[in-house]
């Protein structure tokens, strides 16, 4: 335990395949991307192609090599089904960096929803953190995000939405010429879920779906998705004409307000003026927050 209690931070475990061997390396994870110091006794858990094939061991050195067949009972093949997930169910306090071979197989397992929501969340969260620390390429992150197109778990999808917004903010500063590309990429990733949820509540839907609907539509509005902006404008106009219209329930109001402001310009201030009027008229602090 002293490796965890007597030093700051936590490790990132890098794993790659080399001639049917798994090569493990550890280093301190620093969000700044700087080279950290430290060594931990890391409880490695992994599964191979199925949660039924589960192994664990203590990783106590800076680097270690394990024979795949000896460790897992069979070799890694070209088959996408021979994926390996490290830190099963995100039980350990460390991040994991995979080589491209292992990452590609995990993308398959994510697309097919073979992995649990906890593991799908963890892979995305680790990859974004590593990308932000300049320890993983942006291409790797985008390839991974594309694997979540048909994601339906609230926690995972909410994280995907958050990361998509962060990528746009980074792109706006770092590569403004490519900002439109990144926005369209995020729209493509989120569009399936948006179409599945739709604009209106469905009988028997979960509370998570109701929350997701608002989050996804808000993101699509922020990314400038034309169909979302058009539908939002239609519903906003109906709301201005009748405050009790069922077309604008509270769950999607923020998305609609964002869309209205997205289309507001110096020469077309009608949407802005209408929102300002709503803000001044309402006595509900929650509604004021949505408008802001």
Protein backbone atom coordinates (compact mmCIF):
# COMPACT_ATOMS: atom_id res chain seq x y z
CA UNK A 1 0.00 0.00 0.00
CA UNK A 2 2.91 2.39 0.58
CA UNK A 3 3.30 2.92 -3.18
CA UNK A 4 -0.19 4.42 -3.08
CA UNK A 5 -0.04 6.28 0.24
CA UNK A 6 3.53 7.63 0.27
CA UNK A 7 3.59 9.30 -3.15
CA UNK A 8 1.35 11.62 -5.10
CA UNK A 9 -0.66 10.79 -8.17
CA UNK A 10 -1.46 7.54 -9.91
CA UNK A 11 -0.06 5.57 -12.87
CA UNK A 12 -0.88 5.08 -16.50
CA UNK A 13 -0.26 1.52 -17.67
CA UNK A 14 0.75 1.20 -21.32
CA UNK A 15 0.20 -2.19 -22.94
CA UNK A 16 1.14 -3.45 -26.39
CA UNK A 17 1.40 -6.75 -28.25
CA UNK A 18 4.78 -7.95 -29.48
CA UNK A 19 5.14 -11.46 -30.91
CA UNK A 20 2.35 -12.94 -28.77
CA UNK A 21 3.67 -11.19 -25.70
CA UNK A 22 1.92 -8.48 -23.75
CA UNK A 23 4.37 -5.75 -22.79
CA UNK A 24 3.37 -3.61 -19.80
CA UNK A 25 4.96 -0.29 -18.83
CA UNK A 26 3.95 2.12 -16.10
CA UNK A 27 4.62 5.78 -15.47
CA UNK A 28 3.04 8.56 -13.48
CA UNK A 29 0.06 10.13 -15.19
CA UNK A 30 0.23 13.92 -15.38
CA UNK A 31 -2.49 15.87 -17.16
CA UNK A 32 0.12 18.43 -18.21
CA UNK A 33 1.84 15.80 -20.33
CA UNK A 34 5.10 16.16 -18.39
CA UNK A 35 7.20 13.09 -17.65
CA UNK A 36 6.35 11.99 -14.13
CA UNK A 37 8.24 9.89 -11.65
CA UNK A 38 7.05 7.12 -9.40
CA UNK A 39 6.34 3.42 -9.39
CA UNK A 40 3.28 1.62 -8.08
CA UNK A 41 2.20 -1.89 -7.26
CA UNK A 42 -0.66 -2.00 -9.74
CA UNK A 43 -3.43 -4.62 -9.47
CA UNK A 44 -3.85 -5.62 -13.10
CA UNK A 45 -7.16 -7.21 -14.04
CA UNK A 46 -7.87 -8.24 -17.61
CA UNK A 47 -10.34 -10.23 -19.66
CA UNK A 48 -9.81 -11.78 -23.07
CA UNK A 49 -12.67 -11.96 -25.59
CA UNK A 50 -15.19 -12.52 -22.81
CA UNK A 51 -15.75 -11.63 -19.18
CA UNK A 52 -15.57 -15.38 -18.50
CA UNK A 53 -11.84 -15.36 -19.35
CA UNK A 54 -10.59 -13.24 -16.48
CA UNK A 55 -7.05 -12.98 -15.09
CA UNK A 56 -5.29 -10.77 -12.57
CA UNK A 57 -1.78 -10.17 -11.26
CA UNK A 58 0.28 -7.54 -9.47
CA UNK A 59 2.40 -5.33 -11.70
CA UNK A 60 5.27 -4.35 -9.40
CA UNK A 61 8.04 -3.15 -11.74
CA UNK A 62 8.43 -0.35 -14.29
CA UNK A 63 7.99 -2.82 -17.14
CA UNK A 64 6.99 -6.44 -17.50
CA UNK A 65 6.36 -8.92 -20.32
CA UNK A 66 3.77 -11.69 -20.18
CA UNK A 67 3.27 -14.52 -22.65
CA UNK A 68 -0.29 -14.21 -23.96
CA UNK A 69 -0.96 -17.93 -24.28
CA UNK A 70 0.49 -18.66 -20.86
CA UNK A 71 -1.46 -15.82 -19.26
CA UNK A 72 -4.77 -16.16 -21.07
CA UNK A 73 -4.79 -19.71 -22.39
CA UNK A 74 -4.82 -18.89 -26.11
CA UNK A 75 -2.94 -16.61 -28.52
CA UNK A 76 -4.11 -13.28 -29.91
CA UNK A 77 -5.38 -13.69 -33.47
CA UNK A 78 -6.41 -11.33 -36.26
CA UNK A 79 -10.03 -11.93 -35.26
CA UNK A 80 -11.64 -8.81 -33.79
CA UNK A 81 -13.21 -11.00 -31.12
CA UNK A 82 -9.82 -11.60 -29.47
CA UNK A 83 -9.95 -8.28 -27.61
CA UNK A 84 -8.24 -7.62 -24.29
CA UNK A 85 -9.63 -5.20 -21.70
CA UNK A 86 -7.30 -4.05 -18.94
CA UNK A 87 -8.70 -2.76 -15.62
CA UNK A 88 -11.96 -4.70 -15.79
CA UNK A 89 -14.98 -2.67 -14.69
CA UNK A 90 -12.58 0.20 -13.92
CA UNK A 91 -11.87 -1.38 -10.53
CA UNK A 92 -8.28 -0.07 -10.34
CA UNK A 93 -7.15 3.51 -9.85
CA UNK A 94 -5.03 3.84 -12.99
CA UNK A 95 -5.37 4.76 -16.63
CA UNK A 96 -4.64 2.42 -19.52
CA UNK A 97 -3.03 3.20 -22.87
CA UNK A 98 -3.40 0.54 -25.59
CA UNK A 99 -1.40 0.07 -28.77
CA UNK A 100 -3.33 0.36 -32.05
CA UNK A 101 -3.86 -3.42 -32.43
CA UNK A 102 -5.50 -3.72 -29.02
CA UNK A 103 -7.39 -0.42 -29.45
CA UNK A 104 -8.89 -1.57 -32.77
CA UNK A 105 -10.17 -4.78 -31.19
CA UNK A 106 -11.69 -2.82 -28.31
CA UNK A 107 -13.49 -0.55 -30.78
CA UNK A 108 -15.18 -3.68 -32.15
CA UNK A 109 -16.20 -4.76 -28.63
CA UNK A 110 -17.59 -1.27 -27.99
CA UNK A 111 -19.57 -1.17 -31.24
CA UNK A 112 -21.10 -4.58 -30.49
CA UNK A 113 -21.75 -3.60 -26.84
CA UNK A 114 -19.86 -6.67 -25.66
CA UNK A 115 -18.17 -4.56 -23.01
CA UNK A 116 -20.06 -3.37 -19.94
CA UNK A 117 -21.09 0.30 -19.62
CA UNK A 118 -18.38 0.78 -16.97
CA UNK A 119 -15.69 -0.46 -19.34
CA UNK A 120 -17.06 1.48 -22.30
CA UNK A 121 -16.99 4.60 -20.13
CA UNK A 122 -13.47 3.89 -18.87
CA UNK A 123 -11.89 3.35 -22.28
CA UNK A 124 -13.30 6.64 -23.57
CA UNK A 125 -12.39 8.53 -20.42
CA UNK A 126 -8.82 7.20 -20.39
CA UNK A 127 -8.27 7.92 -24.07
CA UNK A 128 -9.51 11.50 -23.77
CA UNK A 129 -7.36 12.11 -20.68
CA UNK A 130 -4.30 10.71 -22.47
CA UNK A 131 -5.04 12.78 -25.58
CA UNK A 132 -5.43 15.91 -23.47
CA UNK A 133 -2.07 15.13 -21.86
CA UNK A 134 -0.52 14.66 -25.32
CA UNK A 135 0.13 10.97 -24.64
CA UNK A 136 -2.37 9.79 -27.26
CA UNK A 137 -3.11 11.11 -30.73
CA UNK A 138 -6.27 13.02 -31.61
CA UNK A 139 -6.80 10.54 -34.44
CA UNK A 140 -6.95 7.69 -31.93
CA UNK A 141 -9.53 9.58 -29.88
CA UNK A 142 -11.71 10.35 -32.92
CA UNK A 143 -11.53 6.73 -34.12
CA UNK A 144 -12.66 5.62 -30.68
CA UNK A 145 -15.48 8.16 -30.46
CA UNK A 146 -16.85 6.87 -33.77
CA UNK A 147 -17.33 3.45 -32.16
CA UNK A 148 -19.94 4.96 -29.81
CA UNK A 149 -22.41 5.96 -32.55
CA UNK A 150 -25.07 3.54 -31.28
CA UNK A 151 -24.35 4.00 -27.58
CA UNK A 152 -27.46 3.96 -25.39
CA UNK A 153 -26.17 4.04 -21.81
CA UNK A 154 -26.77 7.38 -20.12
CA UNK A 155 -23.43 7.66 -18.29
CA UNK A 156 -21.37 6.67 -21.33
CA UNK A 157 -23.30 8.84 -23.77
CA UNK A 158 -23.25 11.84 -21.43
CA UNK A 159 -19.46 11.50 -21.23
CA UNK A 160 -19.26 11.25 -25.03
CA UNK A 161 -21.28 14.48 -25.33
CA UNK A 162 -19.00 16.22 -22.83
CA UNK A 163 -15.84 15.08 -24.62
CA UNK A 164 -17.26 16.12 -28.01
CA UNK A 165 -17.78 19.65 -26.68
CA UNK A 166 -14.27 19.74 -25.22
CA UNK A 167 -12.79 18.62 -28.56
CA UNK A 168 -14.62 21.49 -30.30
CA UNK A 169 -13.23 23.99 -27.81
CA UNK A 170 -9.70 22.69 -28.33
CA UNK A 171 -10.12 22.73 -32.11
CA UNK A 172 -11.42 26.31 -32.05
CA UNK A 173 -8.11 27.44 -30.54
CA UNK A 174 -5.65 24.96 -32.05
CA UNK A 175 -6.94 24.33 -35.59
CA UNK A 176 -9.74 26.83 -36.36
CA UNK A 177 -9.62 25.95 -40.06
CA UNK A 178 -10.77 22.41 -39.18
CA UNK A 179 -13.46 23.41 -36.70
CA UNK A 180 -16.30 22.74 -39.14
CA UNK A 181 -14.91 19.25 -39.74
CA UNK A 182 -14.86 18.48 -36.01
CA UNK A 183 -18.40 19.80 -35.61
CA UNK A 184 -19.68 17.61 -38.44
CA UNK A 185 -17.83 14.61 -36.99
CA UNK A 186 -19.54 15.12 -33.62
CA UNK A 187 -22.91 15.54 -35.31
CA UNK A 188 -22.41 12.22 -37.12
CA UNK A 189 -21.48 10.49 -33.86
CA UNK A 190 -24.50 11.80 -31.94
CA UNK A 191 -27.13 11.74 -34.67
CA UNK A 192 -28.15 8.09 -34.24
CA UNK A 193 -28.96 8.61 -30.57
CA UNK A 194 -30.78 11.86 -31.34
CA UNK A 195 -32.98 10.10 -33.89
CA UNK A 196 -33.62 7.23 -31.48
CA UNK A 197 -34.76 9.57 -28.73
CA UNK A 198 -36.55 12.10 -30.92
CA UNK A 199 -37.91 15.41 -29.67
CA UNK A 200 -40.96 14.18 -27.79
CA UNK A 201 -41.23 11.94 -24.70
CA UNK A 202 -42.18 8.33 -25.42
CA UNK A 203 -44.54 6.23 -23.30
CA UNK A 204 -42.60 4.16 -20.78
CA UNK A 205 -39.23 5.76 -21.48
CA UNK A 206 -36.69 5.93 -18.67
CA UNK A 207 -35.68 9.07 -16.80
CA UNK A 208 -32.20 8.65 -18.29
CA UNK A 209 -33.64 8.89 -21.82
CA UNK A 210 -35.45 12.09 -20.89
CA UNK A 211 -32.20 13.58 -19.60
CA UNK A 212 -30.25 12.40 -22.65
CA UNK A 213 -32.72 13.94 -25.07
CA UNK A 214 -32.03 17.40 -23.73
CA UNK A 215 -28.26 16.90 -23.60
CA UNK A 216 -27.97 15.54 -27.13
CA UNK A 217 -30.24 18.16 -28.70
CA UNK A 218 -28.33 20.90 -26.89
CA UNK A 219 -25.04 19.58 -28.28
CA UNK A 220 -26.40 19.29 -31.81
CA UNK A 221 -27.65 22.87 -31.55
CA UNK A 222 -24.23 24.04 -30.33
CA UNK A 223 -22.58 22.23 -33.25
CA UNK A 224 -24.91 24.00 -35.70
CA UNK A 225 -26.87 20.97 -36.94
CA UNK A 226 -29.32 22.51 -39.42
CA UNK A 227 -32.19 20.05 -38.88
CA UNK A 228 -31.98 20.56 -35.12
CA UNK A 229 -31.92 24.34 -35.52
CA UNK A 230 -34.94 24.24 -37.85
CA UNK A 231 -37.03 22.07 -35.53
CA UNK A 232 -36.02 24.13 -32.51
CA UNK A 233 -37.11 27.33 -34.27
CA UNK A 234 -40.50 25.78 -35.07
CA UNK A 235 -41.06 24.70 -31.48
CA UNK A 236 -39.89 28.03 -30.08
CA UNK A 237 -42.35 29.90 -32.26
CA UNK A 238 -45.14 27.61 -31.05
CA UNK A 239 -44.07 28.32 -27.47
CA UNK A 240 -44.18 32.08 -28.02
CA UNK A 241 -47.73 31.74 -29.31
CA UNK A 242 -48.86 29.38 -26.53
CA UNK A 243 -46.86 28.99 -23.32
CA UNK A 244 -48.69 25.71 -22.59
CA UNK A 245 -47.82 24.02 -25.87
CA UNK A 246 -46.68 20.38 -25.49
CA UNK A 247 -44.06 21.05 -28.18
CA UNK A 248 -41.64 22.57 -25.68
CA UNK A 249 -41.46 20.55 -22.44
CA UNK A 250 -38.88 21.66 -19.84
CA UNK A 251 -36.43 18.84 -20.74
CA UNK A 252 -35.65 20.29 -24.17
CA UNK A 253 -36.02 24.02 -23.51
CA UNK A 254 -32.32 24.67 -23.05
CA UNK A 255 -31.61 22.96 -26.39
CA UNK A 256 -34.19 25.16 -28.09
CA UNK A 257 -32.89 28.33 -26.44
CA UNK A 258 -29.35 27.48 -27.57
CA UNK A 259 -30.61 26.90 -31.11
CA UNK A 260 -32.44 30.24 -31.13
CA UNK A 261 -29.29 32.09 -30.09
CA UNK A 262 -27.27 30.14 -32.65
CA UNK A 263 -29.29 31.78 -35.39
CA UNK A 264 -29.39 35.24 -33.86
CA UNK A 265 -27.35 37.87 -35.70
CA UNK A 266 -26.92 41.63 -35.62
CA UNK A 267 -29.33 41.92 -38.52
CA UNK A 268 -31.79 39.33 -37.12
CA UNK A 269 -32.30 39.95 -33.42
CA UNK A 270 -35.86 38.63 -33.13
CA UNK A 271 -34.84 35.39 -31.43
CA UNK A 272 -32.59 37.22 -29.00
CA UNK A 273 -35.27 39.78 -28.18
CA UNK A 274 -37.84 37.03 -27.59
CA UNK A 275 -35.51 35.20 -25.21
CA UNK A 276 -34.72 38.40 -23.35
CA UNK A 277 -38.45 39.04 -22.96
CA UNK A 278 -38.97 35.51 -21.61
CA UNK A 279 -36.13 35.99 -19.14
CA UNK A 280 -37.61 39.20 -17.80
CA UNK A 281 -41.13 37.78 -17.56
CA UNK A 282 -40.43 34.50 -15.78
CA UNK A 283 -40.28 34.23 -12.01
CA UNK A 284 -38.71 30.76 -12.07
CA UNK A 285 -34.97 30.73 -11.35
CA UNK A 286 -34.64 27.39 -13.19
CA UNK A 287 -36.11 28.91 -16.33
CA UNK A 288 -33.82 31.92 -16.07
CA UNK A 289 -30.86 29.53 -15.82
CA UNK A 290 -31.98 27.68 -18.96
CA UNK A 291 -32.17 30.93 -20.89
CA UNK A 292 -28.76 32.07 -19.68
